[in-house]
Amino acid sequence: EIVRKVEEAKQRREILHLMIRERNQAMDHFIQIYDRNRKSYWLGLALVDSKAILKKVEESTMQKRTKMWYILGVNLAPLLRIKNVPTYIRSLAQMMEEFDFFMSNRFNSDSSSIDVLGAKKVSVNLDNEVEAVKAKLHKVDNQVAYEFLQVFNVPCDLDYHQIVFALCSTLKKIYSQFTEDECVSNKHMFETITKLDSRLKTYFFGILSKEAQKHAKAVLREHTSELDSIFKAWEPHLALSPVASPPSSPPRQQFPGLM
C-alpha cells in the first residue's frame, strides 16, 4: 500500500512538473510575441508578430478579452498572499467557480463597463486537507454571493498587450506555487490543480495559442507556395535525360526563406 501511494505521488509530481513547464514556455512565447518592438518565432517554426495576429481579431473581441483578463488577473493576484497551500488551492478553486458564473451570466461585452453584483460576503471552510475540494456558489437571500471574486467598472478601453504581459506575470507566480509537496502528496489538491489548469486554458492559454498557431500556419503556407513556384521553374530542367548536364545557373527568384 505504501509503495503504491509513493508511486502515485511520483506520477502526480511528473504530471505537475510537465504542466508547469509547458505553461511557462507558452507564457514566454506570448510575452515575446506581444512585445511591440520585436517579432518572435512561434514554436521555432514561423516568424510572427502581434500586429499581424491582431489584424484578424475584431476590436470588440479584443476589448471583451482585455476586460475578461483584467478581471481574472486582479482576482488571482491577491490569492498569492495565502501561505497555507490547501487554503491557497481551495481559494483558487472557489474564485474560479465564481468567475465561471460571472462569465456565463454577468459579463456584458457590449458595454464599456462590467456588470457588478451587489453580492454579500460569505465565509466557507477552506482548510480541510482530507476531503475533496468542492467549490460551489453560495446564495444569500436568493442571490449569488461571491467569497473571492471582485468585479469593477472599466470605464475605458484597456491595452491588449499590457494585459497579456500582466496576466502572464501573475499566472507564472500562480503556477509556481503548484510545486509545493502538498500539491503532490494530496490527490485532492492535485485533481483541483488540473481542473484549474483546464479552466485557465479555456479563458487564456487556448485563445492565444490558437491564434498564434493559426497565424504561423498561414506564414508557413505562404512560404511553401513560394517553394512551389521555385520547383515549377526547375521542372523543364528536371525533365532532361539523366546524362544531360544541368544548366550552369538555375533560374533566379527572390525567396526570403522559411523563417
Protein backbone atom coordinates (compact mmCIF):
# COMPACT_ATOMS: atom_id res chain seq x y z
CA GLU A 1 0.00 0.00 0.00
CA ILE A 2 2.80 2.39 0.89
CA VAL A 3 4.69 1.57 -2.30
CA ARG A 4 1.54 2.21 -4.35
CA LYS A 5 0.98 5.61 -2.74
CA VAL A 6 4.60 6.58 -3.29
CA GLU A 7 4.35 5.59 -6.95
CA GLU A 8 1.10 7.54 -7.40
CA ALA A 9 2.67 10.61 -5.80
CA LYS A 10 5.64 10.27 -8.14
CA GLN A 11 3.33 10.17 -11.16
CA ARG A 12 1.43 13.21 -9.93
CA ARG A 13 4.69 15.11 -9.46
CA GLU A 14 5.79 14.31 -13.03
CA ILE A 15 2.44 15.44 -14.43
CA LEU A 16 2.51 18.69 -12.46
CA HIS A 17 6.08 19.49 -13.43
CA LEU A 18 5.29 18.85 -17.10
CA MET A 19 2.17 21.02 -16.90
CA ILE A 20 4.03 23.88 -15.20
CA ARG A 21 6.91 23.70 -17.68
CA GLU A 22 4.57 23.76 -20.68
CA ARG A 23 2.54 26.67 -19.32
CA ASN A 24 5.68 28.68 -18.54
CA GLN A 25 7.02 28.03 -22.04
CA ALA A 26 3.71 29.14 -23.54
CA MET A 27 3.73 32.34 -21.47
CA ASP A 28 7.31 33.06 -22.52
CA HIS A 29 6.18 32.78 -26.14
CA PHE A 30 3.20 35.08 -25.50
CA ILE A 31 5.43 37.71 -23.87
CA GLN A 32 7.80 37.65 -26.86
CA ILE A 33 5.04 37.73 -29.46
CA TYR A 34 3.15 40.60 -27.82
CA ASP A 35 6.24 42.74 -27.47
CA ARG A 36 5.51 45.56 -29.92
CA ASN A 37 9.20 46.09 -30.64
CA ARG A 38 10.06 42.64 -31.89
CA LYS A 39 8.98 39.59 -33.81
CA SER A 40 9.27 36.07 -32.46
CA TYR A 41 9.29 32.51 -33.76
CA TRP A 42 6.22 30.53 -32.76
CA LEU A 43 7.48 27.10 -31.63
CA GLY A 44 10.63 27.79 -33.65
CA LEU A 45 8.76 27.38 -36.93
CA ALA A 46 7.46 30.70 -38.21
CA LEU A 47 8.25 34.33 -37.51
CA VAL A 48 5.12 36.02 -36.14
CA ASP A 49 4.24 39.33 -34.53
CA SER A 50 1.22 40.57 -32.62
CA LYS A 51 0.26 43.23 -35.19
CA ALA A 52 -0.31 40.61 -37.87
CA ILE A 53 -2.22 38.37 -35.46
CA LEU A 54 -4.48 41.13 -34.14
CA LYS A 55 -5.35 42.40 -37.62
CA LYS A 56 -7.66 39.42 -37.89
CA VAL A 57 -9.30 39.99 -34.49
CA GLU A 58 -12.25 42.34 -34.26
CA GLU A 59 -11.84 45.35 -31.97
CA SER A 60 -14.91 44.39 -29.94
CA THR A 61 -13.46 40.91 -29.38
CA MET A 62 -10.14 42.36 -28.21
CA GLN A 63 -11.84 44.66 -25.73
CA LYS A 64 -14.00 41.87 -24.40
CA ARG A 65 -10.91 39.76 -23.85
CA THR A 66 -8.91 42.51 -22.16
CA LYS A 67 -11.74 43.15 -19.70
CA MET A 68 -12.11 39.44 -19.01
CA TRP A 69 -8.35 39.01 -18.46
CA TYR A 70 -8.18 42.17 -16.37
CA ILE A 71 -10.86 40.87 -14.01
CA LEU A 72 -9.22 37.45 -13.90
CA GLY A 73 -5.80 38.92 -13.10
CA VAL A 74 -6.89 41.31 -10.36
CA ASN A 75 -8.73 38.44 -8.64
CA LEU A 76 -5.89 35.95 -8.92
CA ALA A 77 -3.16 38.26 -7.62
CA PRO A 78 -4.46 38.70 -4.03
CA LEU A 79 -4.62 34.93 -3.56
CA LEU A 80 -0.83 34.77 -3.85
CA ARG A 81 -0.67 36.20 -0.33
CA ILE A 82 -2.17 32.99 1.09
CA LYS A 83 0.67 30.91 2.55
CA ASN A 84 -1.23 27.78 3.58
CA VAL A 85 -1.16 25.55 0.48
CA PRO A 86 -4.52 23.75 0.93
CA THR A 87 -6.21 27.08 1.61
CA TYR A 88 -4.48 28.60 -1.41
CA ILE A 89 -5.68 25.82 -3.74
CA ARG A 90 -9.22 25.87 -2.36
CA SER A 91 -9.36 29.65 -2.66
CA LEU A 92 -8.28 29.44 -6.29
CA ALA A 93 -10.95 26.82 -6.96
CA GLN A 94 -13.65 28.90 -5.29
CA MET A 95 -12.65 32.08 -7.10
CA MET A 96 -12.64 30.31 -10.48
CA GLU A 97 -16.08 28.85 -9.76
CA GLU A 98 -17.35 32.37 -9.15
CA PHE A 99 -15.53 33.64 -12.24
CA ASP A 100 -17.23 30.93 -14.33
CA PHE A 101 -20.60 32.10 -13.08
CA PHE A 102 -19.75 35.71 -13.80
CA MET A 103 -18.60 34.92 -17.34
CA SER A 104 -21.70 32.85 -18.04
CA ASN A 105 -24.28 35.18 -16.55
CA ARG A 106 -22.99 38.69 -15.90
CA PHE A 107 -20.31 39.58 -18.41
CA ASN A 108 -21.54 42.37 -20.69
CA SER A 109 -19.41 42.58 -23.82
CA ASP A 110 -21.46 45.39 -25.38
CA SER A 111 -20.85 47.93 -22.65
CA SER A 112 -17.84 49.98 -21.67
CA SER A 113 -18.39 48.81 -18.11
CA ILE A 114 -18.73 45.49 -16.37
CA ASP A 115 -21.96 44.46 -14.68
CA VAL A 116 -21.42 44.44 -10.92
CA LEU A 117 -23.08 42.05 -8.50
CA GLY A 118 -24.04 43.53 -5.19
CA ALA A 119 -23.09 40.29 -3.50
CA LYS A 120 -22.88 39.75 0.23
CA LYS A 121 -19.78 38.18 1.72
CA VAL A 122 -19.95 34.58 2.91
CA SER A 123 -17.45 32.50 4.84
CA VAL A 124 -16.51 28.93 3.94
CA ASN A 125 -14.15 26.37 5.47
CA LEU A 126 -11.07 26.18 3.27
CA ASP A 127 -8.60 24.34 5.47
CA ASN A 128 -9.75 20.72 5.34
CA GLU A 129 -6.82 18.81 3.85
CA VAL A 130 -8.58 15.41 3.68
CA GLU A 131 -11.82 15.99 1.82
CA ALA A 132 -12.05 16.71 -1.88
CA VAL A 133 -12.26 20.35 -2.89
CA LYS A 134 -15.87 21.15 -3.65
CA ALA A 135 -16.06 24.71 -4.86
CA LYS A 136 -19.63 25.92 -5.18
CA LEU A 137 -21.64 29.08 -5.46
CA HIS A 138 -23.22 30.42 -2.30
CA LYS A 139 -26.54 32.18 -2.09
CA VAL A 140 -27.75 34.74 0.41
CA ASP A 141 -31.40 35.81 0.12
CA ASN A 142 -31.60 34.01 -3.24
CA GLN A 143 -28.67 35.99 -4.63
CA VAL A 144 -25.29 34.56 -5.54
CA ALA A 145 -22.72 35.79 -3.04
CA TYR A 146 -19.06 35.96 -4.04
CA GLU A 147 -16.49 34.91 -1.48
CA PHE A 148 -13.46 35.99 -3.52
CA LEU A 149 -14.47 37.47 -6.86
CA GLN A 150 -14.43 41.25 -7.11
CA VAL A 151 -15.83 42.98 -10.18
CA PHE A 152 -15.26 46.58 -11.19
CA ASN A 153 -16.47 49.11 -13.70
CA VAL A 154 -13.98 49.51 -16.54
CA PRO A 155 -14.70 52.98 -17.96
CA CYS A 156 -12.09 52.91 -20.74
CA ASP A 157 -10.51 50.58 -23.25
CA LEU A 158 -7.58 48.54 -21.99
CA ASP A 159 -4.27 47.92 -23.76
CA TYR A 160 -4.27 44.37 -25.13
CA HIS A 161 -0.50 43.95 -24.98
CA GLN A 162 -0.15 45.23 -21.42
CA ILE A 163 -2.96 42.99 -20.18
CA VAL A 164 -1.31 39.94 -21.76
CA PHE A 165 2.01 40.83 -20.08
CA ALA A 166 0.38 41.45 -16.70
CA LEU A 167 -1.69 38.25 -16.70
CA CYS A 168 1.31 36.17 -17.78
CA SER A 169 3.30 37.62 -14.90
CA THR A 170 0.55 36.76 -12.42
CA LEU A 171 -0.04 33.28 -13.80
CA LYS A 172 3.66 32.46 -13.63
CA LYS A 173 3.51 33.13 -9.89
CA ILE A 174 0.25 31.19 -9.54
CA TYR A 175 1.76 28.12 -11.21
CA SER A 176 4.99 28.35 -9.24
CA GLN A 177 3.00 27.57 -6.07
CA PHE A 178 1.89 24.24 -7.53
CA THR A 179 5.35 22.77 -6.91
CA GLU A 180 4.74 22.52 -3.15
CA ASP A 181 4.79 18.99 -1.69
CA GLU A 182 1.12 19.16 -0.61
CA CYS A 183 0.09 19.55 -4.25
CA VAL A 184 1.64 16.15 -4.97
CA SER A 185 1.01 14.18 -1.79
CA ASN A 186 -2.65 15.18 -1.57
CA LYS A 187 -4.57 13.74 -4.53
CA HIS A 188 -7.47 16.15 -3.92
CA MET A 189 -5.15 19.12 -4.29
CA PHE A 190 -3.69 17.58 -7.43
CA GLU A 191 -7.11 17.00 -9.01
CA THR A 192 -8.15 20.55 -8.20
CA ILE A 193 -5.00 21.96 -9.81
CA THR A 194 -5.58 20.04 -13.04
CA LYS A 195 -9.15 21.36 -13.17
CA LEU A 196 -7.90 24.90 -12.57
CA ASP A 197 -5.40 24.50 -15.38
CA SER A 198 -8.17 23.34 -17.72
CA ARG A 199 -10.21 26.46 -16.92
CA LEU A 200 -7.26 28.77 -17.42
CA LYS A 201 -6.58 27.10 -20.75
CA THR A 202 -10.15 27.88 -21.80
CA TYR A 203 -10.01 31.53 -20.75
CA PHE A 204 -6.43 32.42 -21.68
CA PHE A 205 -3.87 29.90 -22.91
CA GLY A 206 -6.08 28.30 -25.52
CA ILE A 207 -7.15 31.61 -27.04
CA LEU A 208 -3.65 32.99 -27.55
CA SER A 209 -2.15 29.67 -28.61
CA LYS A 210 -4.82 29.02 -31.22
CA GLU A 211 -4.39 32.43 -32.81
CA ALA A 212 -0.59 32.28 -32.83
CA GLN A 213 -0.68 28.80 -34.32
CA LYS A 214 -3.21 29.84 -36.97
CA HIS A 215 -1.03 32.78 -37.99
CA ALA A 216 2.13 30.62 -38.01
CA LYS A 217 0.43 28.12 -40.32
CA ALA A 218 -0.54 30.94 -42.69
CA VAL A 219 3.07 32.17 -42.75
CA LEU A 220 4.35 28.67 -43.50
CA ARG A 221 1.76 28.16 -46.24
CA GLU A 222 2.86 31.41 -47.85
CA HIS A 223 6.49 30.32 -47.85
CA THR A 224 5.55 26.86 -49.09
CA SER A 225 3.80 28.39 -52.10
CA GLU A 226 7.00 30.29 -52.84
CA LEU A 227 8.87 27.00 -52.76
CA ASP A 228 6.33 25.52 -55.19
CA SER A 229 6.98 28.34 -57.66
CA ILE A 230 10.73 27.66 -57.50
CA PHE A 231 10.27 23.93 -58.13
CA LYS A 232 7.94 24.66 -61.05
CA ALA A 233 10.61 26.88 -62.60
CA TRP A 234 13.03 23.93 -62.35
CA GLU A 235 10.66 21.37 -63.91
CA PRO A 236 11.86 21.82 -67.53
CA HIS A 237 15.44 21.15 -66.45
CA LEU A 238 14.45 18.15 -64.30
CA ALA A 239 12.89 16.61 -67.40
CA LEU A 240 16.29 16.40 -69.14
CA SER A 241 17.82 12.97 -69.72
CA PRO A 242 19.95 11.58 -66.84
CA VAL A 243 23.15 12.02 -68.82
CA ALA A 244 22.44 15.63 -69.66
CA SER A 245 24.21 18.23 -67.63
CA PRO A 246 22.08 20.63 -65.59
CA PRO A 247 22.17 24.31 -66.52
CA SER A 248 25.14 26.20 -65.18
CA SER A 249 22.90 28.63 -63.32
CA PRO A 250 19.32 27.95 -62.18
CA PRO A 251 16.52 30.43 -62.81
CA ARG A 252 16.80 33.20 -60.26
CA GLN A 253 13.89 34.10 -57.99
CA GLN A 254 13.61 36.09 -54.82
CA PHE A 255 12.89 33.81 -51.88
CA PRO A 256 13.07 35.01 -48.30
CA GLY A 257 13.38 31.57 -46.77
CA LEU A 258 11.10 29.68 -44.47
CA MET A 259 11.77 31.76 -41.37
